[in-house]
Amino acid sequence: MKVNVEVECSPEEARRFLGLPDVTKANEVYVDALSKAMQGVGSVDQLQELTKQVAPMGEFGLKLFQQLMESGAAMALSGVLNPQGGKPKKDN
């Protein structure tokens, strides 16, 4: 048996329902600091060094994210995510 449940709610409502903390202010501070730091970057090497310093998990986190994206793309291209082939269904 297969059961699908669709819930329409805003990201804020979903966060509250799941009991997740509100990290809006922390995210704003993080993005602000990152954008200020990026203004002084003049080369690719400086950008890589900055990325290593400000990324939550450093270089390991970035590589892990890259591997996740690559494996997801490979699965999508191989048809694993849509075994019937063709385009995914669109909601009406």
Protein backbone atom coordinates (compact mmCIF):
# COMPACT_ATOMS: atom_id res chain seq x y z
CA MET A 1 0.00 0.00 0.00
CA LYS A 2 1.22 3.46 -0.83
CA VAL A 3 -0.03 6.58 0.93
CA ASN A 4 0.76 10.13 -0.13
CA VAL A 5 0.12 13.06 2.16
CA GLU A 6 0.42 16.63 0.91
CA VAL A 7 0.62 19.51 3.34
CA GLU A 8 0.50 23.12 2.25
CA CYS A 9 2.22 25.46 4.67
CA SER A 10 4.82 28.16 4.74
CA PRO A 11 8.41 27.36 5.73
CA GLU A 12 7.76 29.18 9.02
CA GLU A 13 4.71 27.02 9.76
CA ALA A 14 6.64 23.85 8.91
CA ARG A 15 9.53 24.90 11.17
CA ARG A 16 7.18 25.51 14.09
CA PHE A 17 5.24 22.28 13.50
CA LEU A 18 8.46 20.24 13.50
CA GLY A 19 9.73 22.06 16.59
CA LEU A 20 12.84 23.41 14.87
CA PRO A 21 14.50 26.53 16.28
CA ASP A 22 14.20 29.89 14.53
CA VAL A 23 17.68 30.60 13.16
CA THR A 24 16.69 33.63 11.07
CA LYS A 25 18.80 36.09 13.05
CA ALA A 26 21.84 33.80 13.09
CA ASN A 27 21.49 33.28 9.35
CA GLU A 28 21.29 37.04 8.74
CA VAL A 29 24.48 37.60 10.76
CA TYR A 30 26.25 34.77 8.91
CA VAL A 31 25.23 36.05 5.47
CA ASP A 32 26.13 39.65 6.39
CA ALA A 33 29.58 38.63 7.63
CA LEU A 34 30.16 36.50 4.55
CA SER A 35 29.15 39.25 2.14
CA LYS A 36 31.41 41.77 3.93
CA ALA A 37 34.32 39.33 3.78
CA MET A 38 33.69 38.65 0.07
CA GLN A 39 34.06 42.33 -0.76
CA GLY A 40 37.80 42.12 -0.04
CA VAL A 41 38.39 39.01 -2.16
CA GLY A 42 40.49 39.74 -5.24
CA SER A 43 41.51 36.30 -6.48
CA VAL A 44 40.36 32.68 -6.62
CA ASP A 45 42.98 31.68 -4.03
CA GLN A 46 41.67 34.28 -1.59
CA LEU A 47 38.12 33.05 -2.20
CA GLN A 48 39.12 29.44 -1.49
CA GLU A 49 40.86 30.47 1.74
CA LEU A 50 37.84 32.49 2.82
CA THR A 51 35.54 29.57 2.06
CA LYS A 52 37.65 27.25 4.22
CA GLN A 53 37.40 29.71 7.12
CA VAL A 54 33.68 30.50 7.04
CA ALA A 55 32.12 27.22 5.94
CA PRO A 56 30.49 25.47 8.93
CA MET A 57 32.41 22.24 8.34
CA GLY A 58 35.29 23.70 6.36
CA GLU A 59 36.64 22.00 3.30
CA PHE A 60 35.27 18.60 4.37
CA GLY A 61 31.73 19.99 4.41
CA LEU A 62 32.10 21.47 0.96
CA LYS A 63 33.43 18.20 -0.46
CA LEU A 64 30.62 16.28 1.22
CA PHE A 65 28.04 18.66 -0.28
CA GLN A 66 29.66 18.35 -3.71
CA GLN A 67 29.54 14.54 -3.51
CA LEU A 68 25.89 14.69 -2.46
CA MET A 69 25.00 16.89 -5.43
CA GLU A 70 26.95 14.72 -7.86
CA SER A 71 25.37 11.48 -6.64
CA GLY A 72 21.89 13.04 -6.77
CA ALA A 73 22.48 14.21 -10.33
CA ALA A 74 23.79 10.78 -11.32
CA MET A 75 20.74 9.09 -9.83
CA ALA A 76 18.40 11.48 -11.62
CA LEU A 77 20.14 10.88 -14.95
CA SER A 78 20.13 7.10 -14.51
CA GLY A 79 16.38 7.02 -13.93
CA VAL A 80 16.58 5.85 -10.32
CA LEU A 81 14.50 8.82 -9.16
CA ASN A 82 11.94 8.32 -11.95
CA PRO A 83 12.00 4.63 -12.90
CA GLN A 84 9.08 4.96 -15.35
CA GLY A 85 11.17 7.29 -17.47
CA GLY A 86 9.92 10.43 -19.04
CA LYS A 87 9.11 13.62 -17.24
CA PRO A 88 7.91 13.69 -13.62
CA LYS A 89 4.21 14.32 -13.05
CA LYS A 90 3.14 17.93 -12.69
CA ASP A 91 0.65 18.94 -10.02
CA ASN A 92 -2.50 20.60 -11.32
